[in-house]
Amino acid sequence: MVRKVLDVFRKQKFNVIIMSFRFDSEQNGKWWELMLGWKWPHQGFTIGYDLVEPNDQPQENEMTYYTCLLYLGCLSIIYNFGNHDWDE
């Protein structure tokens, strides 16, 4: 999971992750993660959003999750969510 998230950050070229919150529910297997990313204005200034869906046919040991990115200029809000049962 961390590797996949870092791949998204490398593609978006975030310099700093300002803060990150993560919640795992052991009762129903659901989890979510909320992060704030920062990019210097000379590296890119974006207004908009992006919705990233998981692969239709994930590889073995690949975590299945959705990502919502909200770009607010230099600041980006990243929301990942999934369910551990989706990986089975």
PDB file of N, CA and C in Angstrom:
ATOM      1  N   MET A   1       0.825  -1.197   0.000  1.00  0.00           N
ATOM      2  CA  MET A   1       0.000   0.000   0.000  1.00  0.00           C
ATOM      3  C   MET A   1       0.862   1.250   0.000  1.00  0.00           C
ATOM      4  N   VAL A   2       1.847   1.267   0.881  1.00  0.00           N
ATOM      5  CA  VAL A   2       2.686   2.460   0.977  1.00  0.00           C
ATOM      6  C   VAL A   2       3.406   2.693  -0.342  1.00  0.00           C
ATOM      7  N   ARG A   3       3.867   1.605  -0.975  1.00  0.00           N
ATOM      8  CA  ARG A   3       4.579   1.739  -2.243  1.00  0.00           C
ATOM      9  C   ARG A   3       3.682   2.345  -3.309  1.00  0.00           C
ATOM     10  N   LYS A   4       2.422   1.898  -3.389  1.00  0.00           N
ATOM     11  CA  LYS A   4       1.483   2.437  -4.369  1.00  0.00           C
ATOM     12  C   LYS A   4       1.226   3.919  -4.120  1.00  0.00           C
ATOM     13  N   VAL A   5       1.032   4.298  -2.848  1.00  0.00           N
ATOM     14  CA  VAL A   5       0.792   5.705  -2.520  1.00  0.00           C
ATOM     15  C   VAL A   5       2.015   6.536  -2.894  1.00  0.00           C
ATOM     16  N   LEU A   6       3.196   6.027  -2.607  1.00  0.00           N
ATOM     17  CA  LEU A   6       4.405   6.765  -2.964  1.00  0.00           C
ATOM     18  C   LEU A   6       4.545   6.895  -4.474  1.00  0.00           C
ATOM     19  N   ASP A   7       4.102   5.880  -5.236  1.00  0.00           N
ATOM     20  CA  ASP A   7       4.125   5.994  -6.693  1.00  0.00           C
ATOM     21  C   ASP A   7       3.236   7.136  -7.159  1.00  0.00           C
ATOM     22  N   VAL A   8       2.060   7.291  -6.528  1.00  0.00           N
ATOM     23  CA  VAL A   8       1.170   8.406  -6.879  1.00  0.00           C
ATOM     24  C   VAL A   8       1.852   9.730  -6.557  1.00  0.00           C
ATOM     25  N   PHE A   9       2.520   9.812  -5.393  1.00  0.00           N
ATOM     26  CA  PHE A   9       3.205  11.043  -5.021  1.00  0.00           C
ATOM     27  C   PHE A   9       4.339  11.355  -5.985  1.00  0.00           C
ATOM     28  N   ARG A  10       5.076  10.343  -6.421  1.00  0.00           N
ATOM     29  CA  ARG A  10       6.177  10.588  -7.359  1.00  0.00           C
ATOM     30  C   ARG A  10       5.648  11.108  -8.683  1.00  0.00           C
ATOM     31  N   LYS A  11       4.515  10.554  -9.143  1.00  0.00           N
ATOM     32  CA  LYS A  11       3.936  11.014 -10.397  1.00  0.00           C
ATOM     33  C   LYS A  11       3.456  12.453 -10.269  1.00  0.00           C
ATOM     34  N   GLN A  12       2.901  12.807  -9.115  1.00  0.00           N
ATOM     35  CA  GLN A  12       2.399  14.154  -8.900  1.00  0.00           C
ATOM     36  C   GLN A  12       3.495  15.108  -8.437  1.00  0.00           C
ATOM     37  N   LYS A  13       4.646  14.566  -8.049  1.00  0.00           N
ATOM     38  CA  LYS A  13       5.807  15.338  -7.611  1.00  0.00           C
ATOM     39  C   LYS A  13       5.503  16.232  -6.422  1.00  0.00           C
ATOM     40  N   PHE A  14       4.874  15.634  -5.402  1.00  0.00           N
ATOM     41  CA  PHE A  14       4.659  16.360  -4.167  1.00  0.00           C
ATOM     42  C   PHE A  14       5.988  16.455  -3.432  1.00  0.00           C
ATOM     43  N   ASN A  15       6.309  17.614  -2.918  1.00  0.00           N
ATOM     44  CA  ASN A  15       7.544  17.779  -2.160  1.00  0.00           C
ATOM     45  C   ASN A  15       7.372  17.377  -0.717  1.00  0.00           C
ATOM     46  N   VAL A  16       6.255  17.738  -0.142  1.00  0.00           N
ATOM     47  CA  VAL A  16       6.067  17.535   1.282  1.00  0.00           C
ATOM     48  C   VAL A  16       4.676  16.967   1.529  1.00  0.00           C
ATOM     49  N   ILE A  17       4.605  15.961   2.375  1.00  0.00           N
ATOM     50  CA  ILE A  17       3.314  15.507   2.881  1.00  0.00           C
ATOM     51  C   ILE A  17       3.149  16.198   4.221  1.00  0.00           C
ATOM     52  N   ILE A  18       2.227  17.132   4.292  1.00  0.00           N
ATOM     53  CA  ILE A  18       2.080  17.955   5.481  1.00  0.00           C
ATOM     54  C   ILE A  18       1.563  17.139   6.651  1.00  0.00           C
ATOM     55  N   MET A  19       0.516  16.354   6.438  1.00  0.00           N
ATOM     56  CA  MET A  19      -0.001  15.501   7.509  1.00  0.00           C
ATOM     57  C   MET A  19      -0.760  14.350   6.890  1.00  0.00           C
ATOM     58  N   SER A  20      -0.940  13.302   7.689  1.00  0.00           N
ATOM     59  CA  SER A  20      -1.624  12.117   7.211  1.00  0.00           C
ATOM     60  C   SER A  20      -2.407  11.485   8.358  1.00  0.00           C
ATOM     61  N   PHE A  21      -3.646  11.086   8.078  1.00  0.00           N
ATOM     62  CA  PHE A  21      -4.491  10.386   9.041  1.00  0.00           C
ATOM     63  C   PHE A  21      -4.918   9.068   8.412  1.00  0.00           C
ATOM     64  N   ARG A  22      -4.934   8.011   9.210  1.00  0.00           N
ATOM     65  CA  ARG A  22      -5.360   6.705   8.704  1.00  0.00           C
ATOM     66  C   ARG A  22      -6.246   6.025   9.746  1.00  0.00           C
ATOM     67  N   PHE A  23      -7.306   5.359   9.255  1.00  0.00           N
ATOM     68  CA  PHE A  23      -8.210   4.626  10.135  1.00  0.00           C
ATOM     69  C   PHE A  23      -8.458   3.244   9.555  1.00  0.00           C
ATOM     70  N   ASP A  24      -8.227   2.199  10.344  1.00  0.00           N
ATOM     71  CA  ASP A  24      -8.518   0.821   9.976  1.00  0.00           C
ATOM     72  C   ASP A  24      -9.591   0.291  10.909  1.00  0.00           C
ATOM     73  N   SER A  25     -10.660  -0.241  10.341  1.00  0.00           N
ATOM     74  CA  SER A  25     -11.718  -0.853  11.145  1.00  0.00           C
ATOM     75  C   SER A  25     -11.552  -2.366  11.091  1.00  0.00           C
ATOM     76  N   GLU A  26     -11.277  -2.955  12.222  1.00  0.00           N
ATOM     77  CA  GLU A  26     -11.116  -4.402  12.260  1.00  0.00           C
ATOM     78  C   GLU A  26     -12.465  -5.117  12.259  1.00  0.00           C
ATOM     79  N   GLN A  27     -13.536  -4.409  12.536  1.00  0.00           N
ATOM     80  CA  GLN A  27     -14.863  -5.032  12.586  1.00  0.00           C
ATOM     81  C   GLN A  27     -15.400  -5.339  11.193  1.00  0.00           C
ATOM     82  N   ASN A  28     -15.283  -4.401  10.275  1.00  0.00           N
ATOM     83  CA  ASN A  28     -15.847  -4.617   8.944  1.00  0.00           C
ATOM     84  C   ASN A  28     -14.797  -4.584   7.830  1.00  0.00           C
ATOM     85  N   GLY A  29     -13.534  -4.394   8.152  1.00  0.00           N
ATOM     86  CA  GLY A  29     -12.470  -4.453   7.152  1.00  0.00           C
ATOM     87  C   GLY A  29     -12.281  -3.185   6.340  1.00  0.00           C
ATOM     88  N   LYS A  30     -13.065  -2.160   6.607  1.00  0.00           N
ATOM     89  CA  LYS A  30     -12.929  -0.917   5.841  1.00  0.00           C
ATOM     90  C   LYS A  30     -11.795  -0.070   6.403  1.00  0.00           C
ATOM     91  N   TRP A  31     -11.176   0.711   5.540  1.00  0.00           N
ATOM     92  CA  TRP A  31     -10.121   1.627   5.964  1.00  0.00           C
ATOM     93  C   TRP A  31     -10.173   2.873   5.094  1.00  0.00           C
ATOM     94  N   TRP A  32      -9.617   3.950   5.614  1.00  0.00           N
ATOM     95  CA  TRP A  32      -9.487   5.187   4.843  1.00  0.00           C
ATOM     96  C   TRP A  32      -8.234   5.914   5.295  1.00  0.00           C
ATOM     97  N   GLU A  33      -7.787   6.815   4.452  1.00  0.00           N
ATOM     98  CA  GLU A  33      -6.565   7.567   4.713  1.00  0.00           C
ATOM     99  C   GLU A  33      -6.735   8.955   4.108  1.00  0.00           C
ATOM    100  N   LEU A  34      -6.380   9.967   4.842  1.00  0.00           N
ATOM    101  CA  LEU A  34      -6.485  11.351   4.391  1.00  0.00           C
ATOM    102  C   LEU A  34      -5.120  11.999   4.523  1.00  0.00           C
ATOM    103  N   MET A  35      -4.637  12.579   3.437  1.00  0.00           N
ATOM    104  CA  MET A  35      -3.309  13.205   3.429  1.00  0.00           C
ATOM    105  C   MET A  35      -3.383  14.585   2.784  1.00  0.00           C
ATOM    106  N   LEU A  36      -2.472  15.434   3.183  1.00  0.00           N
ATOM    107  CA  LEU A  36      -2.295  16.744   2.558  1.00  0.00           C
ATOM    108  C   LEU A  36      -0.919  16.773   1.914  1.00  0.00           C
ATOM    109  N   GLY A  37      -0.869  17.179   0.674  1.00  0.00           N
ATOM    110  CA  GLY A  37       0.398  17.275  -0.043  1.00  0.00           C
ATOM    111  C   GLY A  37       0.660  18.708  -0.472  1.00  0.00           C
ATOM    112  N   TRP A  38       1.926  19.057  -0.570  1.00  0.00           N
ATOM    113  CA  TRP A  38       2.328  20.408  -0.923  1.00  0.00           C
ATOM    114  C   TRP A  38       3.293  20.379  -2.102  1.00  0.00           C
ATOM    115  N   LYS A  39       3.090  21.276  -3.063  1.00  0.00           N
ATOM    116  CA  LYS A  39       3.976  21.475  -4.195  1.00  0.00           C
ATOM    117  C   LYS A  39       4.311  22.954  -4.265  1.00  0.00           C
ATOM    118  N   TRP A  40       5.551  23.273  -4.531  1.00  0.00           N
ATOM    119  CA  TRP A  40       5.919  24.678  -4.710  1.00  0.00           C
ATOM    120  C   TRP A  40       5.260  25.224  -5.973  1.00  0.00           C
ATOM    121  N   PRO A  41       4.847  26.491  -5.981  1.00  0.00           N
ATOM    122  CA  PRO A  41       4.137  27.049  -7.136  1.00  0.00           C
ATOM    123  C   PRO A  41       4.913  26.942  -8.450  1.00  0.00           C
ATOM    124  N   HIS A  42       6.233  27.021  -8.402  1.00  0.00           N
ATOM    125  CA  HIS A  42       6.991  26.930  -9.649  1.00  0.00           C
ATOM    126  C   HIS A  42       7.054  25.494 -10.178  1.00  0.00           C
ATOM    127  N   GLN A  43       6.639  24.493  -9.365  1.00  0.00           N
ATOM    128  CA  GLN A  43       6.593  23.106  -9.818  1.00  0.00           C
ATOM    129  C   GLN A  43       5.223  22.745 -10.387  1.00  0.00           C
ATOM    130  N   GLY A  44       4.250  23.555 -10.126  1.00  0.00           N
ATOM    131  CA  GLY A  44       2.925  23.289 -10.654  1.00  0.00           C
ATOM    132  C   GLY A  44       1.857  23.892  -9.767  1.00  0.00           C
ATOM    133  N   PHE A  45       0.892  24.522 -10.383  1.00  0.00           N
ATOM    134  CA  PHE A  45      -0.219  25.140  -9.679  1.00  0.00           C
ATOM    135  C   PHE A  45      -1.484  24.601 -10.335  1.00  0.00           C
ATOM    136  N   THR A  46      -2.209  23.735  -9.644  1.00  0.00           N
ATOM    137  CA  THR A  46      -3.330  23.035 -10.262  1.00  0.00           C
ATOM    138  C   THR A  46      -4.608  23.256  -9.461  1.00  0.00           C
ATOM    139  N   ILE A  47      -5.691  23.507 -10.181  1.00  0.00           N
ATOM    140  CA  ILE A  47      -7.022  23.585  -9.598  1.00  0.00           C
ATOM    141  C   ILE A  47      -7.843  22.487 -10.274  1.00  0.00           C
ATOM    142  N   GLY A  48      -8.430  21.597  -9.487  1.00  0.00           N
ATOM    143  CA  GLY A  48      -9.246  20.535 -10.072  1.00  0.00           C
ATOM    144  C   GLY A  48      -9.299  19.311  -9.189  1.00  0.00           C
ATOM    145  N   TYR A  49      -9.676  18.194  -9.789  1.00  0.00           N
ATOM    146  CA  TYR A  49      -9.781  16.951  -9.033  1.00  0.00           C
ATOM    147  C   TYR A  49      -9.417  15.775  -9.923  1.00  0.00           C
ATOM    148  N   ASP A  50      -9.195  14.635  -9.302  1.00  0.00           N
ATOM    149  CA  ASP A  50      -8.860  13.410 -10.012  1.00  0.00           C
ATOM    150  C   ASP A  50      -9.428  12.243  -9.213  1.00  0.00           C
ATOM    151  N   LEU A  51     -10.076  11.314  -9.875  1.00  0.00           N
ATOM    152  CA  LEU A  51     -10.604  10.108  -9.243  1.00  0.00           C
ATOM    153  C   LEU A  51      -9.877   8.918  -9.854  1.00  0.00           C
ATOM    154  N   VAL A  52      -9.206   8.133  -9.027  1.00  0.00           N
ATOM    155  CA  VAL A  52      -8.426   6.999  -9.503  1.00  0.00           C
ATOM    156  C   VAL A  52      -9.080   5.726  -8.984  1.00  0.00           C
ATOM    157  N   GLU A  53      -9.486   4.860  -9.914  1.00  0.00           N
ATOM    158  CA  GLU A  53     -10.118   3.599  -9.554  1.00  0.00           C
ATOM    159  C   GLU A  53      -9.080   2.477  -9.568  1.00  0.00           C
ATOM    160  N   PRO A  54      -9.339   1.397  -8.839  1.00  0.00           N
ATOM    161  CA  PRO A  54      -8.391   0.283  -8.838  1.00  0.00           C
ATOM    162  C   PRO A  54      -8.404  -0.462 -10.173  1.00  0.00           C
ATOM    163  N   ASN A  55      -7.388  -1.276 -10.381  1.00  0.00           N
ATOM    164  CA  ASN A  55      -7.320  -2.099 -11.589  1.00  0.00           C
ATOM    165  C   ASN A  55      -8.488  -3.080 -11.617  1.00  0.00           C
ATOM    166  N   ASP A  56      -8.995  -3.379 -12.828  1.00  0.00           N
ATOM    167  CA  ASP A  56     -10.084  -4.345 -12.955  1.00  0.00           C
ATOM    168  C   ASP A  56      -9.616  -5.754 -12.590  1.00  0.00           C
ATOM    169  N   GLN A  57      -8.377  -6.062 -12.938  1.00  0.00           N
ATOM    170  CA  GLN A  57      -7.804  -7.369 -12.630  1.00  0.00           C
ATOM    171  C   GLN A  57      -6.500  -7.160 -11.867  1.00  0.00           C
ATOM    172  N   PRO A  58      -6.593  -6.990 -10.546  1.00  0.00           N
ATOM    173  CA  PRO A  58      -5.380  -6.723  -9.773  1.00  0.00           C
ATOM    174  C   PRO A  58      -4.446  -7.932  -9.750  1.00  0.00           C
ATOM    175  N   GLN A  59      -3.160  -7.645  -9.647  1.00  0.00           N
ATOM    176  CA  GLN A  59      -2.169  -8.705  -9.551  1.00  0.00           C
ATOM    177  C   GLN A  59      -2.205  -9.294  -8.151  1.00  0.00           C
ATOM    178  N   GLU A  60      -1.530 -10.424  -7.996  1.00  0.00           N
ATOM    179  CA  GLU A  60      -1.486 -11.076  -6.694  1.00  0.00           C
ATOM    180  C   GLU A  60      -0.778 -10.172  -5.686  1.00  0.00           C
ATOM    181  N   ASN A  61      -1.325 -10.096  -4.482  1.00  0.00           N
ATOM    182  CA  ASN A  61      -0.796  -9.277  -3.379  1.00  0.00           C
ATOM    183  C   ASN A  61      -0.865  -7.775  -3.668  1.00  0.00           C
ATOM    184  N   GLU A  62      -1.714  -7.358  -4.592  1.00  0.00           N
ATOM    185  CA  GLU A  62      -1.901  -5.933  -4.865  1.00  0.00           C
ATOM    186  C   GLU A  62      -3.132  -5.445  -4.112  1.00  0.00           C
ATOM    187  N   MET A  63      -2.989  -4.360  -3.389  1.00  0.00           N
ATOM    188  CA  MET A  63      -4.112  -3.830  -2.617  1.00  0.00           C
ATOM    189  C   MET A  63      -5.067  -3.082  -3.543  1.00  0.00           C
ATOM    190  N   THR A  64      -6.353  -3.292  -3.337  1.00  0.00           N
ATOM    191  CA  THR A  64      -7.391  -2.656  -4.143  1.00  0.00           C
ATOM    192  C   THR A  64      -7.977  -1.489  -3.352  1.00  0.00           C
ATOM    193  N   TYR A  65      -7.893  -0.294  -3.915  1.00  0.00           N
ATOM    194  CA  TYR A  65      -8.427   0.878  -3.227  1.00  0.00           C
ATOM    195  C   TYR A  65      -8.726   1.983  -4.231  1.00  0.00           C
ATOM    196  N   TYR A  66      -9.512   2.943  -3.816  1.00  0.00           N
ATOM    197  CA  TYR A  66      -9.861   4.117  -4.611  1.00  0.00           C
ATOM    198  C   TYR A  66      -9.103   5.322  -4.068  1.00  0.00           C
ATOM    199  N   THR A  67      -8.835   6.277  -4.937  1.00  0.00           N
ATOM    200  CA  THR A  67      -8.159   7.508  -4.543  1.00  0.00           C
ATOM    201  C   THR A  67      -8.915   8.698  -5.125  1.00  0.00           C
ATOM    202  N   CYS A  68      -9.168   9.689  -4.290  1.00  0.00           N
ATOM    203  CA  CYS A  68      -9.754  10.960  -4.715  1.00  0.00           C
ATOM    204  C   CYS A  68      -8.719  12.046  -4.408  1.00  0.00           C
ATOM    205  N   LEU A  69      -8.343  12.805  -5.416  1.00  0.00           N
ATOM    206  CA  LEU A  69      -7.374  13.887  -5.244  1.00  0.00           C
ATOM    207  C   LEU A  69      -8.073  15.212  -5.545  1.00  0.00           C
ATOM    208  N   LEU A  70      -7.920  16.164  -4.666  1.00  0.00           N
ATOM    209  CA  LEU A  70      -8.480  17.497  -4.841  1.00  0.00           C
ATOM    210  C   LEU A  70      -7.315  18.476  -4.865  1.00  0.00           C
ATOM    211  N   TYR A  71      -7.120  19.128  -6.009  1.00  0.00           N
ATOM    212  CA  TYR A  71      -6.012  20.054  -6.193  1.00  0.00           C
ATOM    213  C   TYR A  71      -6.487  21.483  -5.932  1.00  0.00           C
ATOM    214  N   LEU A  72      -5.856  22.135  -4.980  1.00  0.00           N
ATOM    215  CA  LEU A  72      -6.219  23.504  -4.610  1.00  0.00           C
ATOM    216  C   LEU A  72      -4.987  24.397  -4.725  1.00  0.00           C
ATOM    217  N   GLY A  73      -4.495  24.548  -5.941  1.00  0.00           N
ATOM    218  CA  GLY A  73      -3.288  25.349  -6.150  1.00  0.00           C
ATOM    219  C   GLY A  73      -2.063  24.574  -5.722  1.00  0.00           C
ATOM    220  N   CYS A  74      -1.373  25.055  -4.723  1.00  0.00           N
ATOM    221  CA  CYS A  74      -0.168  24.394  -4.216  1.00  0.00           C
ATOM    222  C   CYS A  74      -0.493  23.255  -3.267  1.00  0.00           C
ATOM    223  N   LEU A  75      -1.661  23.258  -2.682  1.00  0.00           N
ATOM    224  CA  LEU A  75      -2.078  22.261  -1.697  1.00  0.00           C
ATOM    225  C   LEU A  75      -2.961  21.221  -2.363  1.00  0.00           C
ATOM    226  N   SER A  76      -2.757  19.957  -2.014  1.00  0.00           N
ATOM    227  CA  SER A  76      -3.587  18.870  -2.526  1.00  0.00           C
ATOM    228  C   SER A  76      -4.099  18.034  -1.367  1.00  0.00           C
ATOM    229  N   ILE A  77      -5.359  17.631  -1.460  1.00  0.00           N
ATOM    230  CA  ILE A  77      -5.967  16.761  -0.467  1.00  0.00           C
ATOM    231  C   ILE A  77      -6.140  15.399  -1.123  1.00  0.00           C
ATOM    232  N   ILE A  78      -5.587  14.370  -0.497  1.00  0.00           N
ATOM    233  CA  ILE A  78      -5.626  13.013  -1.039  1.00  0.00           C
ATOM    234  C   ILE A  78      -6.426  12.146  -0.090  1.00  0.00           C
ATOM    235  N   TYR A  79      -7.460  11.492  -0.606  1.00  0.00           N
ATOM    236  CA  TYR A  79      -8.314  10.615   0.194  1.00  0.00           C
ATOM    237  C   TYR A  79      -8.292   9.227  -0.437  1.00  0.00           C
ATOM    238  N   ASN A  80      -7.748   8.249   0.271  1.00  0.00           N
ATOM    239  CA  ASN A  80      -7.721   6.857  -0.169  1.00  0.00           C
ATOM    240  C   ASN A  80      -8.696   6.074   0.696  1.00  0.00           C
ATOM    241  N   PHE A  81      -9.446   5.160   0.076  1.00  0.00           N
ATOM    242  CA  PHE A  81     -10.320   4.295   0.867  1.00  0.00           C
ATOM    243  C   PHE A  81     -10.431   2.933   0.200  1.00  0.00           C
ATOM    244  N   GLY A  82     -10.692   1.942   1.030  1.00  0.00           N
ATOM    245  CA  GLY A  82     -10.799   0.585   0.523  1.00  0.00           C
ATOM    246  C   GLY A  82     -11.404  -0.334   1.561  1.00  0.00           C
ATOM    247  N   ASN A  83     -11.404  -1.600   1.221  1.00  0.00           N
ATOM    248  CA  ASN A  83     -11.932  -2.630   2.094  1.00  0.00           C
ATOM    249  C   ASN A  83     -10.997  -3.825   1.978  1.00  0.00           C
ATOM    250  N   HIS A  84     -10.547  -4.353   3.093  1.00  0.00           N
ATOM    251  CA  HIS A  84      -9.619  -5.489   3.064  1.00  0.00           C
ATOM    252  C   HIS A  84     -10.252  -6.705   2.387  1.00  0.00           C
ATOM    253  N   ASP A  85     -11.579  -6.807   2.404  1.00  0.00           N
ATOM    254  CA  ASP A  85     -12.264  -7.939   1.764  1.00  0.00           C
ATOM    255  C   ASP A  85     -12.163  -7.886   0.237  1.00  0.00           C
ATOM    256  N   TRP A  86     -11.922  -6.724  -0.349  1.00  0.00           N
ATOM    257  CA  TRP A  86     -11.804  -6.604  -1.798  1.00  0.00           C
ATOM    258  C   TRP A  86     -10.568  -7.325  -2.312  1.00  0.00           C
ATOM    259  N   ASP A  87      -9.581  -7.512  -1.462  1.00  0.00           N
ATOM    260  CA  ASP A  87      -8.319  -8.117  -1.899  1.00  0.00           C
ATOM    261  C   ASP A  87      -8.396  -9.642  -1.973  1.00  0.00           C
ATOM    262  N   GLU A  88      -9.454 -10.216  -1.470  1.00  0.00           N
ATOM    263  CA  GLU A  88      -9.544 -11.680  -1.445  1.00  0.00           C
ATOM    264  C   GLU A  88     -10.124 -12.222  -2.729  1.00  0.00           C
TER     265      GLU A  88
END
